[in-house]
C-alpha atoms as a PDB file:
ATOM      1  CA  MET A   1     149.541 108.420 -44.944  1.00  0.00           C
ATOM      2  CA  GLN A   2     152.235 111.022 -44.244  1.00  0.00           C
ATOM      3  CA  LYS A   3     151.159 114.462 -45.458  1.00  0.00           C
ATOM      4  CA  ASP A   4     153.728 116.873 -46.905  1.00  0.00           C
ATOM      5  CA  PHE A   5     152.481 120.168 -45.467  1.00  0.00           C
ATOM      6  CA  ASP A   6     155.749 121.893 -46.402  1.00  0.00           C
ATOM      7  CA  LYS A   7     155.158 121.140 -50.104  1.00  0.00           C
ATOM      8  CA  TRP A   8     151.616 122.551 -49.875  1.00  0.00           C
ATOM      9  CA  ASN A   9     152.907 125.656 -48.092  1.00  0.00           C
ATOM     10  CA  LEU A  10     155.346 126.337 -50.971  1.00  0.00           C
ATOM     11  CA  GLN A  11     152.519 125.891 -53.507  1.00  0.00           C
ATOM     12  CA  LYS A  12     150.227 128.156 -51.475  1.00  0.00           C
ATOM     13  CA  LYS A  13     152.864 130.922 -51.459  1.00  0.00           C
ATOM     14  CA  GLN A  14     153.103 130.715 -55.265  1.00  0.00           C
ATOM     15  CA  LEU A  15     149.318 130.923 -55.618  1.00  0.00           C
ATOM     16  CA  ASP A  16     149.170 133.930 -53.294  1.00  0.00           C
ATOM     17  CA  ILE A  17     151.432 136.102 -55.476  1.00  0.00           C
ATOM     18  CA  ARG A  18     149.450 135.437 -58.663  1.00  0.00           C
ATOM     19  CA  ASP A  19     147.162 138.207 -59.868  1.00  0.00           C
ATOM     20  CA  ASP A  20     144.853 136.171 -62.082  1.00  0.00           C
ATOM     21  CA  ARG A  21     141.192 137.095 -62.475  1.00  0.00           C
ATOM     22  CA  PHE A  22     138.669 134.295 -62.825  1.00  0.00           C
ATOM     23  CA  PHE A  23     135.076 134.730 -63.915  1.00  0.00           C
ATOM     24  CA  PHE A  24     133.066 131.933 -62.341  1.00  0.00           C
ATOM     25  CA  LYS A  25     129.325 131.366 -62.024  1.00  0.00           C
ATOM     26  CA  GLU A  26     127.159 129.333 -59.694  1.00  0.00           C
ATOM     27  CA  GLY A  27     126.661 125.804 -61.001  1.00  0.00           C
ATOM     28  CA  GLU A  28     130.014 125.623 -62.791  1.00  0.00           C
ATOM     29  CA  VAL A  29     132.703 123.066 -61.978  1.00  0.00           C
ATOM     30  CA  TRP A  30     136.268 124.386 -61.644  1.00  0.00           C
ATOM     31  CA  TRP A  31     139.577 122.736 -60.852  1.00  0.00           C
ATOM     32  CA  CYS A  32     140.704 124.410 -57.624  1.00  0.00           C
ATOM     33  CA  ALA A  33     143.830 124.134 -55.482  1.00  0.00           C
ATOM     34  CA  VAL A  34     142.110 123.029 -52.274  1.00  0.00           C
ATOM     35  CA  GLY A  35     145.382 122.213 -50.589  1.00  0.00           C
ATOM     36  CA  LEU A  36     146.445 119.697 -48.026  1.00  0.00           C
ATOM     37  CA  ASN A  37     144.031 119.747 -45.131  1.00  0.00           C
ATOM     38  CA  ILE A  38     143.808 118.230 -41.683  1.00  0.00           C
ATOM     39  CA  GLY A  39     141.297 115.738 -40.333  1.00  0.00           C
ATOM     40  CA  SER A  40     138.555 114.584 -42.688  1.00  0.00           C
ATOM     41  CA  GLU A  41     138.516 117.669 -44.923  1.00  0.00           C
ATOM     42  CA  SER A  42     138.980 116.992 -48.638  1.00  0.00           C
ATOM     43  CA  CYS A  43     142.535 117.381 -49.868  1.00  0.00           C
ATOM     44  CA  GLY A  44     143.747 118.242 -53.329  1.00  0.00           C
ATOM     45  CA  LYS A  45     145.582 115.673 -55.422  1.00  0.00           C
ATOM     46  CA  GLY A  46     148.849 115.701 -57.318  1.00  0.00           C
ATOM     47  CA  ASP A  47     151.641 118.261 -57.279  1.00  0.00           C
ATOM     48  CA  THR A  48     149.181 121.166 -57.465  1.00  0.00           C
ATOM     49  CA  PHE A  49     146.788 119.871 -54.748  1.00  0.00           C
ATOM     50  CA  ARG A  50     143.778 120.331 -57.035  1.00  0.00           C
ATOM     51  CA  ARG A  51     140.382 118.720 -57.337  1.00  0.00           C
ATOM     52  CA  PRO A  52     137.125 119.594 -59.113  1.00  0.00           C
ATOM     53  CA  VAL A  53     134.806 121.846 -57.127  1.00  0.00           C
ATOM     54  CA  LEU A  54     131.143 122.711 -57.791  1.00  0.00           C
ATOM     55  CA  ILE A  55     130.504 126.453 -57.348  1.00  0.00           C
ATOM     56  CA  LEU A  56     127.457 126.386 -55.082  1.00  0.00           C
ATOM     57  CA  LYS A  57     127.117 130.055 -54.099  1.00  0.00           C
ATOM     58  CA  LYS A  58     129.036 133.063 -55.423  1.00  0.00           C
ATOM     59  CA  LEU A  59     129.804 135.456 -52.563  1.00  0.00           C
ATOM     60  CA  SER A  60     131.878 138.042 -54.463  1.00  0.00           C
ATOM     61  CA  SER A  61     134.100 138.282 -57.540  1.00  0.00           C
ATOM     62  CA  THR A  62     136.841 136.426 -55.638  1.00  0.00           C
ATOM     63  CA  ALA A  63     135.005 134.171 -53.163  1.00  0.00           C
ATOM     64  CA  PHE A  64     132.486 131.351 -53.301  1.00  0.00           C
ATOM     65  CA  ILE A  65     131.095 128.413 -51.377  1.00  0.00           C
ATOM     66  CA  GLY A  66     132.012 125.203 -53.170  1.00  0.00           C
ATOM     67  CA  ILE A  67     131.639 121.458 -52.848  1.00  0.00           C
ATOM     68  CA  PRO A  68     134.706 119.364 -53.715  1.00  0.00           C
ATOM     69  CA  PHE A  69     134.133 116.249 -55.812  1.00  0.00           C
ATOM     70  CA  SER A  70     135.624 112.857 -55.051  1.00  0.00           C
ATOM     71  CA  SER A  71     136.230 109.931 -57.368  1.00  0.00           C
ATOM     72  CA  GLN A  72     135.923 107.524 -54.424  1.00  0.00           C
ATOM     73  CA  PRO A  73     132.472 106.214 -53.470  1.00  0.00           C
ATOM     74  CA  LYS A  74     131.290 107.669 -50.154  1.00  0.00           C
ATOM     75  CA  SER A  75     128.408 106.653 -47.921  1.00  0.00           C
ATOM     76  CA  GLY A  76     126.342 108.679 -45.498  1.00  0.00           C
ATOM     77  CA  SER A  77     123.380 111.024 -45.569  1.00  0.00           C
ATOM     78  CA  TRP A  78     125.602 114.042 -46.303  1.00  0.00           C
ATOM     79  CA  PHE A  79     126.930 112.602 -49.604  1.00  0.00           C
ATOM     80  CA  THR A  80     125.122 112.584 -52.934  1.00  0.00           C
ATOM     81  CA  GLU A  81     125.966 111.477 -56.461  1.00  0.00           C
ATOM     82  CA  VAL A  82     126.424 114.228 -59.027  1.00  0.00           C
ATOM     83  CA  MET A  83     126.457 113.874 -62.798  1.00  0.00           C
ATOM     84  CA  VAL A  84     128.627 116.267 -64.837  1.00  0.00           C
ATOM     85  CA  ASN A  85     128.497 116.027 -68.649  1.00  0.00           C
ATOM     86  CA  GLY A  86     126.903 112.601 -68.351  1.00  0.00           C
ATOM     87  CA  ILE A  87     129.615 111.249 -66.016  1.00  0.00           C
ATOM     88  CA  ARG A  88     128.977 110.221 -62.410  1.00  0.00           C
END
């Protein structure tokens, strides 16, 4: 699959100039622009390069450690199924 890094770069520039404040908590699921990444890192989907992310650890008011969700079944010891609002 050919990745359009230029399109992601334009989106990233638009996100960088925004001055929105978000109030997130550990354990919440947020739609985040995770971008277009290299290698086996999770990429966002659609025109906004977003995917749902579980807030695992809040580091500050603007930073967190998160786990991106995938709708595709994965196998391996580092993957686990998660249920959100009764949906796997």
